[in-house]
Amino acid sequence: MMTTLLSETHVEFILIHPFREDNGRVSRLLLDVMAVKAGAQPLDYSLWNEHKDY
């Protein structure tokens, strides 16, 4: 349930955020804050860093 909410929020933010640059950094920060406030750990982005060229 929480992953669905976080993913939907991420997509909505990307769609409404007016700037193309920094969307990724700001959205990841927003997701981490939401996850911690919901009682979870910050998200693990290690796979993103390994595969961001794709």
N, C-alpha and C. Protein backbone atom coordinates (compact mmCIF):
# COMPACT_ATOMS: atom_id res chain seq x y z
N MET A 1 0.82 -1.19 0.00
CA MET A 1 0.00 0.00 0.00
C MET A 1 0.86 1.26 0.00
N MET A 2 1.90 1.28 0.88
CA MET A 2 2.73 2.48 0.94
C MET A 2 3.51 2.67 -0.36
N THR A 3 3.98 1.59 -0.97
CA THR A 3 4.73 1.73 -2.22
C THR A 3 3.84 2.27 -3.34
N THR A 4 2.58 1.89 -3.34
CA THR A 4 1.65 2.41 -4.33
C THR A 4 1.46 3.91 -4.14
N LEU A 5 1.27 4.32 -2.91
CA LEU A 5 1.09 5.75 -2.61
C LEU A 5 2.34 6.53 -2.99
N LEU A 6 3.51 6.01 -2.64
CA LEU A 6 4.75 6.71 -2.97
C LEU A 6 4.96 6.80 -4.48
N SER A 7 4.69 5.72 -5.19
CA SER A 7 4.89 5.75 -6.65
C SER A 7 3.90 6.68 -7.34
N GLU A 8 2.66 6.69 -6.89
CA GLU A 8 1.67 7.60 -7.47
C GLU A 8 2.04 9.06 -7.18
N THR A 9 2.50 9.33 -5.98
CA THR A 9 2.92 10.68 -5.63
C THR A 9 4.12 11.10 -6.48
N HIS A 10 5.05 10.18 -6.69
CA HIS A 10 6.21 10.48 -7.52
C HIS A 10 5.79 10.87 -8.93
N VAL A 11 4.92 10.09 -9.53
CA VAL A 11 4.45 10.38 -10.89
C VAL A 11 3.72 11.71 -10.95
N GLU A 12 2.84 11.96 -10.00
CA GLU A 12 2.10 13.22 -9.98
C GLU A 12 3.04 14.41 -9.83
N PHE A 13 4.04 14.28 -8.98
CA PHE A 13 4.99 15.37 -8.80
C PHE A 13 5.75 15.64 -10.08
N ILE A 14 6.22 14.60 -10.73
CA ILE A 14 6.96 14.77 -11.99
C ILE A 14 6.08 15.45 -13.04
N LEU A 15 4.80 15.10 -13.07
CA LEU A 15 3.90 15.70 -14.06
C LEU A 15 3.62 17.17 -13.80
N ILE A 16 3.56 17.58 -12.54
CA ILE A 16 3.21 18.98 -12.25
C ILE A 16 4.42 19.88 -12.01
N HIS A 17 5.58 19.30 -11.76
CA HIS A 17 6.75 20.12 -11.47
C HIS A 17 7.17 20.84 -12.74
N PRO A 18 7.30 22.18 -12.70
CA PRO A 18 7.50 22.95 -13.93
C PRO A 18 8.89 22.88 -14.53
N PHE A 19 9.88 22.39 -13.79
CA PHE A 19 11.25 22.42 -14.30
C PHE A 19 11.74 21.02 -14.64
N ARG A 20 12.34 20.88 -15.80
CA ARG A 20 12.84 19.58 -16.22
C ARG A 20 14.06 19.19 -15.40
N GLU A 21 14.96 20.11 -15.14
CA GLU A 21 16.14 19.84 -14.33
C GLU A 21 15.76 19.75 -12.87
N ASP A 22 16.44 18.92 -12.13
CA ASP A 22 16.26 18.73 -10.69
C ASP A 22 14.99 17.99 -10.30
N ASN A 23 14.17 17.57 -11.24
CA ASN A 23 12.98 16.79 -10.89
C ASN A 23 13.36 15.54 -10.12
N GLY A 24 14.39 14.83 -10.58
CA GLY A 24 14.79 13.57 -9.94
C GLY A 24 15.26 13.78 -8.52
N ARG A 25 16.12 14.76 -8.31
CA ARG A 25 16.65 15.00 -6.97
C ARG A 25 15.56 15.43 -6.00
N VAL A 26 14.72 16.35 -6.45
CA VAL A 26 13.65 16.85 -5.58
C VAL A 26 12.63 15.76 -5.31
N SER A 27 12.28 14.99 -6.32
CA SER A 27 11.28 13.94 -6.12
C SER A 27 11.81 12.83 -5.20
N ARG A 28 13.11 12.47 -5.31
CA ARG A 28 13.67 11.47 -4.41
C ARG A 28 13.70 11.99 -2.97
N LEU A 29 14.00 13.26 -2.79
CA LEU A 29 13.97 13.85 -1.45
C LEU A 29 12.55 13.80 -0.89
N LEU A 30 11.57 14.16 -1.70
CA LEU A 30 10.17 14.12 -1.29
C LEU A 30 9.75 12.70 -0.90
N LEU A 31 10.14 11.71 -1.70
CA LEU A 31 9.80 10.32 -1.39
C LEU A 31 10.44 9.86 -0.09
N ASP A 32 11.70 10.26 0.13
CA ASP A 32 12.36 9.88 1.39
C ASP A 32 11.66 10.49 2.59
N VAL A 33 11.28 11.74 2.49
CA VAL A 33 10.57 12.40 3.60
C VAL A 33 9.24 11.71 3.86
N MET A 34 8.51 11.39 2.79
CA MET A 34 7.22 10.72 2.95
C MET A 34 7.39 9.33 3.57
N ALA A 35 8.41 8.60 3.14
CA ALA A 35 8.65 7.25 3.68
C ALA A 35 8.98 7.32 5.16
N VAL A 36 9.85 8.25 5.55
CA VAL A 36 10.23 8.37 6.97
C VAL A 36 9.03 8.80 7.81
N LYS A 37 8.24 9.73 7.31
CA LYS A 37 7.05 10.16 8.06
C LYS A 37 6.03 9.02 8.21
N ALA A 38 6.04 8.07 7.27
CA ALA A 38 5.14 6.92 7.35
C ALA A 38 5.71 5.80 8.21
N GLY A 39 6.92 6.02 8.76
CA GLY A 39 7.50 5.03 9.65
C GLY A 39 8.44 4.05 8.98
N ALA A 40 8.80 4.30 7.73
CA ALA A 40 9.71 3.41 7.00
C ALA A 40 11.10 4.04 6.95
N GLN A 41 12.03 3.30 6.39
CA GLN A 41 13.39 3.81 6.18
C GLN A 41 13.42 4.63 4.89
N PRO A 42 14.39 5.54 4.76
CA PRO A 42 14.56 6.21 3.46
C PRO A 42 14.80 5.15 2.37
N LEU A 43 14.43 5.47 1.17
CA LEU A 43 14.53 4.52 0.07
C LEU A 43 15.99 4.26 -0.32
N ASP A 44 16.25 3.09 -0.88
CA ASP A 44 17.59 2.69 -1.30
C ASP A 44 17.72 2.96 -2.80
N TYR A 45 18.58 3.89 -3.17
CA TYR A 45 18.75 4.26 -4.57
C TYR A 45 20.00 3.65 -5.19
N SER A 46 20.59 2.65 -4.57
CA SER A 46 21.83 2.08 -5.08
C SER A 46 21.64 1.47 -6.48
N LEU A 47 20.53 0.82 -6.73
CA LEU A 47 20.31 0.26 -8.07
C LEU A 47 20.14 1.36 -9.11
N TRP A 48 19.52 2.46 -8.73
CA TRP A 48 19.37 3.60 -9.64
C TRP A 48 20.75 4.10 -10.08
N ASN A 49 21.66 4.25 -9.13
CA ASN A 49 22.99 4.74 -9.46
C ASN A 49 23.76 3.77 -10.35
N GLU A 50 23.54 2.48 -10.18
CA GLU A 50 24.21 1.49 -11.01
C GLU A 50 23.67 1.44 -12.44
N HIS A 51 22.39 1.79 -12.64
CA HIS A 51 21.73 1.61 -13.93
C HIS A 51 21.16 2.89 -14.52
N LYS A 52 21.60 4.05 -14.10
CA LYS A 52 20.96 5.27 -14.59
C LYS A 52 21.29 5.62 -16.03
N ASP A 53 22.21 4.92 -16.65
CA ASP A 53 22.49 5.15 -18.06
C ASP A 53 21.45 4.53 -18.99
N TYR A 54 20.59 3.66 -18.45
CA TYR A 54 19.61 2.95 -19.28
C TYR A 54 18.37 3.75 -19.49
